[in-house]
């Protein structure tokens, strides 16, 4: 008997898999700090500079902005991440 592949999975997850977290809506400043801290944790072990973490954070946000700009339905997200980028530049 073949399994029907069109059936949708109804599994429920208590928590999403890492690194995704369900959190409250963040302000652009909170999101900038979160992104910076994640990058800083990654580059700290290899390069040890805040400058590298900041540049990596800015590159990541630039990629998000680029993708949001491609799709017309994502302009509200574009504005949010534009503010996140401005907050990152202040760090």
N, C-alpha and C. Protein backbone atom coordinates (compact mmCIF):
# COMPACT_ATOMS: atom_id res chain seq x y z
N UNK A 1 0.84 -1.18 0.00
CA UNK A 1 0.00 0.00 0.00
C UNK A 1 0.89 1.25 0.00
N UNK A 2 0.65 2.13 -0.94
CA UNK A 2 1.44 3.35 -1.03
C UNK A 2 0.92 4.41 -0.08
N UNK A 3 1.84 5.18 0.42
CA UNK A 3 1.48 6.27 1.33
C UNK A 3 1.01 7.46 0.49
N UNK A 4 -0.07 8.08 0.90
CA UNK A 4 -0.58 9.25 0.21
C UNK A 4 0.30 10.45 0.55
N UNK A 5 0.99 10.98 -0.46
CA UNK A 5 1.93 12.09 -0.22
C UNK A 5 1.25 13.45 -0.24
N UNK A 6 -0.03 13.50 -0.55
CA UNK A 6 -0.73 14.79 -0.58
C UNK A 6 -1.30 15.17 0.78
N UNK A 7 -1.26 14.23 1.72
CA UNK A 7 -1.77 14.55 3.06
C UNK A 7 -0.83 15.52 3.76
N UNK A 8 -1.42 16.48 4.43
CA UNK A 8 -0.62 17.44 5.18
C UNK A 8 -0.29 16.89 6.56
N UNK A 9 0.91 17.20 6.99
CA UNK A 9 1.32 16.78 8.32
C UNK A 9 0.63 17.65 9.35
N UNK A 10 0.11 17.01 10.38
CA UNK A 10 -0.59 17.77 11.42
C UNK A 10 0.20 17.78 12.72
N UNK A 11 1.49 17.47 12.64
CA UNK A 11 2.32 17.46 13.84
C UNK A 11 2.40 18.85 14.44
N UNK A 12 2.38 18.88 15.74
CA UNK A 12 2.52 20.14 16.46
C UNK A 12 3.86 20.12 17.18
N UNK A 13 4.54 21.24 17.17
CA UNK A 13 5.81 21.35 17.86
C UNK A 13 5.66 22.31 19.03
N UNK A 14 6.17 21.90 20.18
CA UNK A 14 6.11 22.77 21.34
C UNK A 14 6.96 24.02 21.12
N UNK A 15 8.14 23.83 20.59
CA UNK A 15 9.02 24.96 20.28
C UNK A 15 9.62 24.72 18.91
N UNK A 16 9.81 25.77 18.16
CA UNK A 16 10.41 25.60 16.85
C UNK A 16 11.88 25.20 17.00
N UNK A 17 12.45 24.59 15.96
CA UNK A 17 13.86 24.19 16.06
C UNK A 17 14.76 25.41 16.10
N UNK A 18 15.91 25.31 16.78
CA UNK A 18 16.85 26.44 16.84
C UNK A 18 17.34 26.78 15.45
N UNK A 19 17.72 27.97 15.13
CA UNK A 19 17.81 29.14 15.97
C UNK A 19 16.53 29.98 15.97
N UNK A 20 15.43 29.43 15.48
CA UNK A 20 14.19 30.19 15.37
C UNK A 20 13.46 30.21 16.70
N UNK A 21 13.00 31.36 17.09
CA UNK A 21 12.28 31.51 18.34
C UNK A 21 11.03 32.33 18.08
N UNK A 22 9.97 31.96 18.76
CA UNK A 22 8.76 32.77 18.70
C UNK A 22 8.87 33.78 19.83
N UNK A 23 8.94 35.03 19.46
CA UNK A 23 9.11 36.08 20.47
C UNK A 23 8.12 37.19 20.19
N UNK A 24 8.08 38.12 21.12
CA UNK A 24 7.24 39.29 20.93
C UNK A 24 7.82 40.14 19.79
N UNK A 25 7.03 41.04 19.28
CA UNK A 25 7.50 41.94 18.24
C UNK A 25 8.64 42.79 18.80
N UNK A 26 9.75 42.82 18.10
CA UNK A 26 10.91 43.58 18.55
C UNK A 26 10.91 44.96 17.93
N UNK A 27 11.55 45.87 18.62
CA UNK A 27 11.79 47.18 18.03
C UNK A 27 13.00 47.03 17.11
N UNK A 28 13.21 47.98 16.19
CA UNK A 28 14.39 47.90 15.34
C UNK A 28 15.69 47.86 16.15
N UNK A 29 15.73 48.61 17.26
CA UNK A 29 16.93 48.61 18.09
C UNK A 29 17.17 47.24 18.72
N UNK A 30 16.11 46.62 19.23
CA UNK A 30 16.24 45.28 19.83
C UNK A 30 16.70 44.26 18.79
N UNK A 31 16.14 44.35 17.58
CA UNK A 31 16.52 43.43 16.51
C UNK A 31 17.98 43.64 16.10
N UNK A 32 18.40 44.89 16.03
CA UNK A 32 19.79 45.21 15.68
C UNK A 32 20.74 44.60 16.71
N UNK A 33 20.41 44.74 17.98
CA UNK A 33 21.24 44.19 19.05
C UNK A 33 21.26 42.67 18.97
N UNK A 34 20.11 42.06 18.70
CA UNK A 34 20.05 40.60 18.59
C UNK A 34 20.93 40.10 17.44
N UNK A 35 20.82 40.73 16.27
CA UNK A 35 21.63 40.31 15.13
C UNK A 35 23.11 40.52 15.43
N UNK A 36 23.45 41.67 15.98
CA UNK A 36 24.85 41.97 16.31
C UNK A 36 25.40 40.93 17.30
N UNK A 37 24.64 40.62 18.34
CA UNK A 37 25.10 39.65 19.34
C UNK A 37 25.32 38.27 18.73
N UNK A 38 24.44 37.86 17.84
CA UNK A 38 24.60 36.57 17.17
C UNK A 38 25.88 36.56 16.33
N UNK A 39 26.10 37.62 15.60
CA UNK A 39 27.31 37.70 14.78
C UNK A 39 28.55 37.78 15.66
N UNK A 40 28.46 38.53 16.73
CA UNK A 40 29.60 38.69 17.63
C UNK A 40 29.99 37.35 18.26
N UNK A 41 28.99 36.54 18.62
CA UNK A 41 29.28 35.22 19.17
C UNK A 41 30.00 34.34 18.16
N UNK A 42 29.62 34.47 16.89
CA UNK A 42 30.24 33.65 15.85
C UNK A 42 31.66 34.11 15.52
N UNK A 43 31.85 35.41 15.36
CA UNK A 43 33.17 35.88 14.93
C UNK A 43 34.14 36.03 16.09
N UNK A 44 33.64 36.11 17.31
CA UNK A 44 34.50 36.31 18.47
C UNK A 44 35.52 35.18 18.60
N UNK A 45 35.09 33.98 18.34
CA UNK A 45 35.99 32.84 18.46
C UNK A 45 37.05 32.81 17.37
N UNK A 46 36.75 33.42 16.23
CA UNK A 46 37.67 33.34 15.10
C UNK A 46 38.52 34.60 14.93
N UNK A 47 37.89 35.76 15.06
CA UNK A 47 38.58 37.01 14.74
C UNK A 47 38.68 37.97 15.92
N UNK A 48 37.74 37.87 16.84
CA UNK A 48 37.81 38.64 18.07
C UNK A 48 37.64 40.13 17.96
N UNK A 49 36.95 40.61 16.94
CA UNK A 49 36.77 42.06 16.86
C UNK A 49 35.30 42.42 16.73
N UNK A 50 34.93 43.52 17.37
CA UNK A 50 33.57 44.03 17.26
C UNK A 50 33.31 44.58 15.86
N UNK A 51 34.36 45.10 15.22
CA UNK A 51 34.22 45.65 13.88
C UNK A 51 33.73 44.58 12.90
N UNK A 52 34.31 43.39 12.98
CA UNK A 52 33.93 42.30 12.08
C UNK A 52 32.47 41.90 12.33
N UNK A 53 32.08 41.82 13.61
CA UNK A 53 30.70 41.46 13.94
C UNK A 53 29.72 42.50 13.40
N UNK A 54 30.09 43.76 13.51
CA UNK A 54 29.22 44.83 13.01
C UNK A 54 29.10 44.75 11.49
N UNK A 55 30.20 44.53 10.79
CA UNK A 55 30.18 44.45 9.33
C UNK A 55 29.37 43.24 8.87
N UNK A 56 29.51 42.11 9.56
CA UNK A 56 28.72 40.92 9.22
C UNK A 56 27.23 41.18 9.44
N UNK A 57 26.91 41.88 10.52
CA UNK A 57 25.51 42.22 10.82
C UNK A 57 24.94 43.11 9.73
N UNK A 58 25.71 44.10 9.31
CA UNK A 58 25.25 45.01 8.26
C UNK A 58 25.06 44.26 6.94
N UNK A 59 25.97 43.34 6.63
CA UNK A 59 25.82 42.54 5.40
C UNK A 59 24.56 41.69 5.45
N UNK A 60 24.29 41.09 6.60
CA UNK A 60 23.09 40.26 6.74
C UNK A 60 21.82 41.09 6.53
N UNK A 61 21.79 42.26 7.14
CA UNK A 61 20.61 43.13 7.00
C UNK A 61 20.49 43.63 5.56
N UNK A 62 21.61 43.93 4.91
CA UNK A 62 21.57 44.33 3.50
C UNK A 62 20.96 43.24 2.63
N UNK A 63 21.26 41.98 2.93
CA UNK A 63 20.68 40.87 2.18
C UNK A 63 19.17 40.78 2.41
N UNK A 64 18.75 40.99 3.66
CA UNK A 64 17.32 40.98 3.97
C UNK A 64 16.62 42.12 3.21
N UNK A 65 17.24 43.29 3.21
CA UNK A 65 16.67 44.43 2.49
C UNK A 65 16.56 44.15 0.99
N UNK A 66 17.59 43.52 0.44
CA UNK A 66 17.59 43.20 -0.99
C UNK A 66 16.43 42.26 -1.34
N UNK A 67 16.24 41.22 -0.53
CA UNK A 67 15.17 40.26 -0.80
C UNK A 67 13.81 40.92 -0.62
N UNK A 68 13.66 41.72 0.42
CA UNK A 68 12.38 42.40 0.65
C UNK A 68 12.04 43.35 -0.49
N UNK A 69 13.06 43.96 -1.07
CA UNK A 69 12.84 44.90 -2.17
C UNK A 69 12.39 44.18 -3.44
N UNK A 70 12.73 42.91 -3.56
CA UNK A 70 12.33 42.14 -4.75
C UNK A 70 10.84 41.83 -4.79
N UNK A 71 10.25 41.70 -3.63
CA UNK A 71 8.85 41.28 -3.54
C UNK A 71 7.99 42.42 -3.03
N UNK A 72 6.95 42.73 -3.77
CA UNK A 72 6.12 43.89 -3.47
C UNK A 72 5.39 43.76 -2.13
N UNK A 73 5.10 42.54 -1.70
CA UNK A 73 4.36 42.34 -0.45
C UNK A 73 5.22 42.49 0.80
N UNK A 74 6.51 42.72 0.64
CA UNK A 74 7.42 42.76 1.78
C UNK A 74 7.92 44.17 2.10
N UNK A 75 7.28 45.19 1.58
CA UNK A 75 7.76 46.55 1.83
C UNK A 75 7.62 46.98 3.28
N UNK A 76 6.66 46.42 4.01
CA UNK A 76 6.55 46.74 5.44
C UNK A 76 7.74 46.16 6.21
N UNK A 77 8.24 45.01 5.78
CA UNK A 77 9.42 44.42 6.41
C UNK A 77 10.66 45.22 6.01
N UNK A 78 10.68 45.70 4.78
CA UNK A 78 11.81 46.50 4.29
C UNK A 78 12.02 47.72 5.19
N UNK A 79 10.93 48.41 5.51
CA UNK A 79 11.02 49.60 6.36
C UNK A 79 11.56 49.26 7.75
N UNK A 80 11.12 48.13 8.29
CA UNK A 80 11.59 47.70 9.60
C UNK A 80 13.09 47.44 9.57
N UNK A 81 13.56 46.71 8.57
CA UNK A 81 14.99 46.38 8.51
C UNK A 81 15.84 47.57 8.10
N UNK A 82 15.26 48.54 7.46
CA UNK A 82 15.99 49.77 7.19
C UNK A 82 16.29 50.48 8.52
N UNK A 83 15.31 50.45 9.42
CA UNK A 83 15.53 51.01 10.76
C UNK A 83 16.53 50.18 11.55
N UNK A 84 16.48 48.85 11.39
CA UNK A 84 17.45 47.98 12.06
C UNK A 84 18.86 48.33 11.59
N UNK A 85 19.02 48.56 10.30
CA UNK A 85 20.34 48.92 9.76
C UNK A 85 20.83 50.23 10.37
N UNK A 86 19.94 51.19 10.50
CA UNK A 86 20.33 52.48 11.12
C UNK A 86 20.77 52.28 12.56
N UNK A 87 20.10 51.37 13.29
CA UNK A 87 20.48 51.09 14.67
C UNK A 87 21.83 50.37 14.72
N UNK A 88 22.08 49.48 13.78
CA UNK A 88 23.37 48.78 13.73
C UNK A 88 24.51 49.76 13.48
N UNK A 89 24.26 50.74 12.64
CA UNK A 89 25.30 51.71 12.34
C UNK A 89 25.68 52.55 13.56
N UNK A 90 24.78 52.63 14.53
CA UNK A 90 25.05 53.38 15.76
C UNK A 90 25.91 52.58 16.75
N UNK A 91 25.95 51.26 16.59
CA UNK A 91 26.70 50.40 17.51
C UNK A 91 28.18 50.65 17.36
